Each structure stands twice: as structure tokens, then as C-alpha cells.
Amino acid sequence: MAEAPDDSDLQLRKFQKELSAGTVSLALLAVLGSTDEPMYGYQIAKRLELLDGVLSGKQSALYPVLRNLSAAGLLDSHVEPSVAGPPRRYYRITEAGRTTLQQWTAAWRATRDSVDAVLEGLCQ
């Protein structure tokens, strides 16, 4: 019989889930902002796998975020037939997406630096 997770495990998972909510969007924009070529979901997931921990093995979390970013006008998408398998939806960052990527990157760095400063001050 498996042991029930203790409260600290539950709290850690909750914290990781909350952190991942915004970071996945930022990471997706960054990946698509790094190329002029459109990419489909599996390609994006494979690129993110190289950056350990961003998706933490949950590729299915990628698709709702891609749809949300598209609905917000940050990505364009189109469907192309595939020789092997179902049609693929390709995504490309828009100019609004590039502007948002710059803003989110600055906000991420400011937040990271602030949290690091607090943690370093407390851990000395």
C-alpha cells in the first residue's frame, strides 16, 4: 500500500503548479520568438524538453496555453496537412507577441532578482 503524501509534498506540488502557470506561457513565447519559422506543438514540446523542467513531462499542458496565446493575438496559427498522421497546427509569434515577450521577460527578470535578493538575505 502506497503512503499518502505528506503535507509538505502537497504544498510543494501546489507551489510548482502555481509557478508553472505563467512560466509555460513565457517559455512558449520565447521558443517561438527565437525563430522565424512556424512550429507545431510537438516541435515546441521537444524544444522545451531540452530545457529541463519547463513542461516537466506534461506535453498536454502545452496545447491549452498555445490556444490561449493565439486567442490573445500573441500567436498566429494555421493548419497544414501531414504526410504521416493527422493535420498539424503551426504557430508563429506575432508582433504583439514579440512586444509581450519583451515585457514578460523584463517582469520575469525583475521578479527573479527580487526573490533571489530576499532568499540570499535570509539564507546568510
C-alpha atoms as a PDB file:
ATOM      1  CA  MET A   1       0.000   0.000   0.000  1.00  0.00           C
ATOM      2  CA  ALA A   2       1.434   3.369  -1.017  1.00  0.00           C
ATOM      3  CA  GLU A   3       1.938   6.018   1.605  1.00  0.00           C
ATOM      4  CA  ALA A   4      -0.232   9.107   1.437  1.00  0.00           C
ATOM      5  CA  PRO A   5       1.797  12.188   0.508  1.00  0.00           C
ATOM      6  CA  ASP A   6       2.575  14.351   3.496  1.00  0.00           C
ATOM      7  CA  ASP A   7       1.519  17.981   3.699  1.00  0.00           C
ATOM      8  CA  SER A   8       4.920  19.276   2.594  1.00  0.00           C
ATOM      9  CA  ASP A   9       4.712  17.201  -0.625  1.00  0.00           C
ATOM     10  CA  LEU A  10       1.245  18.601  -1.335  1.00  0.00           C
ATOM     11  CA  GLN A  11       2.428  22.143  -0.656  1.00  0.00           C
ATOM     12  CA  LEU A  12       5.440  21.675  -2.940  1.00  0.00           C
ATOM     13  CA  ARG A  13       3.256  20.361  -5.787  1.00  0.00           C
ATOM     14  CA  LYS A  14       0.832  23.267  -5.341  1.00  0.00           C
ATOM     15  CA  PHE A  15       3.727  25.756  -5.389  1.00  0.00           C
ATOM     16  CA  GLN A  16       5.221  24.155  -8.516  1.00  0.00           C
ATOM     17  CA  LYS A  17       1.835  24.222 -10.272  1.00  0.00           C
ATOM     18  CA  GLU A  18       1.375  27.912  -9.479  1.00  0.00           C
ATOM     19  CA  LEU A  19       4.885  28.732 -10.690  1.00  0.00           C
ATOM     20  CA  SER A  20       4.418  26.788 -13.890  1.00  0.00           C
ATOM     21  CA  ALA A  21       1.198  28.591 -14.865  1.00  0.00           C
ATOM     22  CA  GLY A  22       2.976  31.723 -16.073  1.00  0.00           C
ATOM     23  CA  THR A  23       6.356  30.294 -16.907  1.00  0.00           C
ATOM     24  CA  VAL A  24       4.983  27.939 -19.576  1.00  0.00           C
ATOM     25  CA  SER A  25       3.455  30.900 -21.435  1.00  0.00           C
ATOM     26  CA  LEU A  26       6.723  32.813 -21.207  1.00  0.00           C
ATOM     27  CA  ALA A  27       8.732  29.786 -22.357  1.00  0.00           C
ATOM     28  CA  LEU A  28       6.397  29.189 -25.324  1.00  0.00           C
ATOM     29  CA  LEU A  29       6.688  32.786 -26.461  1.00  0.00           C
ATOM     30  CA  ALA A  30      10.467  32.599 -26.054  1.00  0.00           C
ATOM     31  CA  VAL A  31      10.739  29.427 -28.153  1.00  0.00           C
ATOM     32  CA  LEU A  32       8.545  30.860 -30.909  1.00  0.00           C
ATOM     33  CA  GLY A  33      10.307  34.219 -30.637  1.00  0.00           C
ATOM     34  CA  SER A  34      13.668  32.543 -31.268  1.00  0.00           C
ATOM     35  CA  THR A  35      12.751  31.514 -34.827  1.00  0.00           C
ATOM     36  CA  ASP A  36      11.053  32.982 -37.862  1.00  0.00           C
ATOM     37  CA  GLU A  37       9.795  29.535 -38.871  1.00  0.00           C
ATOM     38  CA  PRO A  38       6.366  28.338 -37.742  1.00  0.00           C
ATOM     39  CA  MET A  39       6.433  25.354 -35.399  1.00  0.00           C
ATOM     40  CA  TYR A  40       3.840  22.737 -34.485  1.00  0.00           C
ATOM     41  CA  GLY A  41       3.097  21.613 -30.943  1.00  0.00           C
ATOM     42  CA  TYR A  42       5.300  18.528 -30.874  1.00  0.00           C
ATOM     43  CA  GLN A  43       8.296  20.516 -32.175  1.00  0.00           C
ATOM     44  CA  ILE A  44       7.764  23.126 -29.473  1.00  0.00           C
ATOM     45  CA  ALA A  45       7.446  20.425 -26.798  1.00  0.00           C
ATOM     46  CA  LYS A  46      10.694  18.790 -27.956  1.00  0.00           C
ATOM     47  CA  ARG A  47      12.484  22.159 -27.813  1.00  0.00           C
ATOM     48  CA  LEU A  48      11.158  22.733 -24.300  1.00  0.00           C
ATOM     49  CA  GLU A  49      12.250  19.246 -23.204  1.00  0.00           C
ATOM     50  CA  LEU A  50      15.815  20.388 -23.773  1.00  0.00           C
ATOM     51  CA  LEU A  51      15.169  22.994 -21.077  1.00  0.00           C
ATOM     52  CA  ASP A  52      14.661  20.612 -18.182  1.00  0.00           C
ATOM     53  CA  GLY A  53      11.640  21.299 -16.022  1.00  0.00           C
ATOM     54  CA  VAL A  54       9.669  23.774 -18.128  1.00  0.00           C
ATOM     55  CA  LEU A  55       6.946  21.297 -19.025  1.00  0.00           C
ATOM     56  CA  SER A  56       8.034  18.629 -16.548  1.00  0.00           C
ATOM     57  CA  GLY A  57       6.738  15.837 -18.761  1.00  0.00           C
ATOM     58  CA  LYS A  58       3.275  17.322 -19.294  1.00  0.00           C
ATOM     59  CA  GLN A  59       3.087  17.981 -23.027  1.00  0.00           C
ATOM     60  CA  SER A  60      -0.701  18.080 -22.835  1.00  0.00           C
ATOM     61  CA  ALA A  61      -0.400  21.327 -20.829  1.00  0.00           C
ATOM     62  CA  LEU A  62       1.170  22.930 -23.888  1.00  0.00           C
ATOM     63  CA  TYR A  63      -1.896  22.929 -26.151  1.00  0.00           C
ATOM     64  CA  PRO A  64      -4.330  24.924 -23.990  1.00  0.00           C
ATOM     65  CA  VAL A  65      -1.604  27.545 -23.463  1.00  0.00           C
ATOM     66  CA  LEU A  66      -0.958  27.737 -27.217  1.00  0.00           C
ATOM     67  CA  ARG A  67      -4.702  28.232 -27.799  1.00  0.00           C
ATOM     68  CA  ASN A  68      -4.858  30.955 -25.135  1.00  0.00           C
ATOM     69  CA  LEU A  69      -1.849  32.783 -26.586  1.00  0.00           C
ATOM     70  CA  SER A  70      -3.437  32.568 -30.045  1.00  0.00           C
ATOM     71  CA  ALA A  71      -6.782  33.866 -28.754  1.00  0.00           C
ATOM     72  CA  ALA A  72      -4.927  36.801 -27.175  1.00  0.00           C
ATOM     73  CA  GLY A  73      -3.362  37.672 -30.547  1.00  0.00           C
ATOM     74  CA  LEU A  74       0.170  36.786 -29.433  1.00  0.00           C
ATOM     75  CA  LEU A  75       0.453  33.873 -31.874  1.00  0.00           C
ATOM     76  CA  ASP A  76      -0.852  33.204 -35.370  1.00  0.00           C
ATOM     77  CA  SER A  77      -1.693  29.643 -36.314  1.00  0.00           C
ATOM     78  CA  HIS A  78      -2.630  27.680 -39.386  1.00  0.00           C
ATOM     79  CA  VAL A  79      -3.288  24.027 -40.155  1.00  0.00           C
ATOM     80  CA  GLU A  80      -1.345  22.064 -42.763  1.00  0.00           C
ATOM     81  CA  PRO A  81      -1.973  18.514 -43.926  1.00  0.00           C
ATOM     82  CA  SER A  82       0.612  15.971 -42.805  1.00  0.00           C
ATOM     83  CA  VAL A  83       2.014  13.174 -44.965  1.00  0.00           C
ATOM     84  CA  ALA A  84       2.118  10.884 -41.933  1.00  0.00           C
ATOM     85  CA  GLY A  85      -0.733  11.333 -39.499  1.00  0.00           C
ATOM     86  CA  PRO A  86      -3.341  13.989 -38.840  1.00  0.00           C
ATOM     87  CA  PRO A  87      -3.027  17.622 -39.982  1.00  0.00           C
ATOM     88  CA  ARG A  88      -0.707  19.791 -37.903  1.00  0.00           C
ATOM     89  CA  ARG A  89      -1.398  23.219 -36.455  1.00  0.00           C
ATOM     90  CA  TYR A  90       1.613  25.504 -36.849  1.00  0.00           C
ATOM     91  CA  TYR A  91       2.224  28.527 -34.622  1.00  0.00           C
ATOM     92  CA  ARG A  92       4.193  31.700 -35.248  1.00  0.00           C
ATOM     93  CA  ILE A  93       4.705  34.625 -32.869  1.00  0.00           C
ATOM     94  CA  THR A  94       3.046  37.923 -33.867  1.00  0.00           C
ATOM     95  CA  GLU A  95       4.446  41.431 -33.413  1.00  0.00           C
ATOM     96  CA  ALA A  96       2.148  41.802 -30.393  1.00  0.00           C
ATOM     97  CA  GLY A  97       3.634  38.521 -29.139  1.00  0.00           C
ATOM     98  CA  ARG A  98       7.178  39.851 -29.536  1.00  0.00           C
ATOM     99  CA  THR A  99       6.284  43.001 -27.585  1.00  0.00           C
ATOM    100  CA  THR A 100       4.638  40.888 -24.889  1.00  0.00           C
ATOM    101  CA  LEU A 101       7.668  38.582 -24.775  1.00  0.00           C
ATOM    102  CA  GLN A 102       9.922  41.573 -24.082  1.00  0.00           C
ATOM    103  CA  GLN A 103       7.590  42.842 -21.344  1.00  0.00           C
ATOM    104  CA  TRP A 104       7.173  39.427 -19.730  1.00  0.00           C
ATOM    105  CA  THR A 105      10.922  38.790 -19.890  1.00  0.00           C
ATOM    106  CA  ALA A 106      11.607  42.066 -18.087  1.00  0.00           C
ATOM    107  CA  ALA A 107       8.930  41.266 -15.479  1.00  0.00           C
ATOM    108  CA  TRP A 108      10.326  37.740 -15.018  1.00  0.00           C
ATOM    109  CA  ARG A 109      13.868  39.013 -14.502  1.00  0.00           C
ATOM    110  CA  ALA A 110      12.767  41.716 -12.056  1.00  0.00           C
ATOM    111  CA  THR A 111      10.739  39.185 -10.067  1.00  0.00           C
ATOM    112  CA  ARG A 112      13.546  36.613 -10.127  1.00  0.00           C
ATOM    113  CA  ASP A 113      16.080  39.213  -8.978  1.00  0.00           C
ATOM    114  CA  SER A 114      13.796  40.414  -6.158  1.00  0.00           C
ATOM    115  CA  VAL A 115      13.099  36.901  -4.914  1.00  0.00           C
ATOM    116  CA  ASP A 116      16.787  35.972  -5.174  1.00  0.00           C
ATOM    117  CA  ALA A 117      17.730  39.062  -3.150  1.00  0.00           C
ATOM    118  CA  VAL A 118      15.243  38.136  -0.430  1.00  0.00           C
ATOM    119  CA  LEU A 119      16.342  34.483  -0.359  1.00  0.00           C
ATOM    120  CA  GLU A 120      20.031  35.396  -0.268  1.00  0.00           C
ATOM    121  CA  GLY A 121      19.383  37.889   2.546  1.00  0.00           C
ATOM    122  CA  LEU A 122      17.545  35.279   4.594  1.00  0.00           C
ATOM    123  CA  CYS A 123      19.949  32.431   3.914  1.00  0.00           C
ATOM    124  CA  GLN A 124      23.130  34.185   5.007  1.00  0.00           C
END
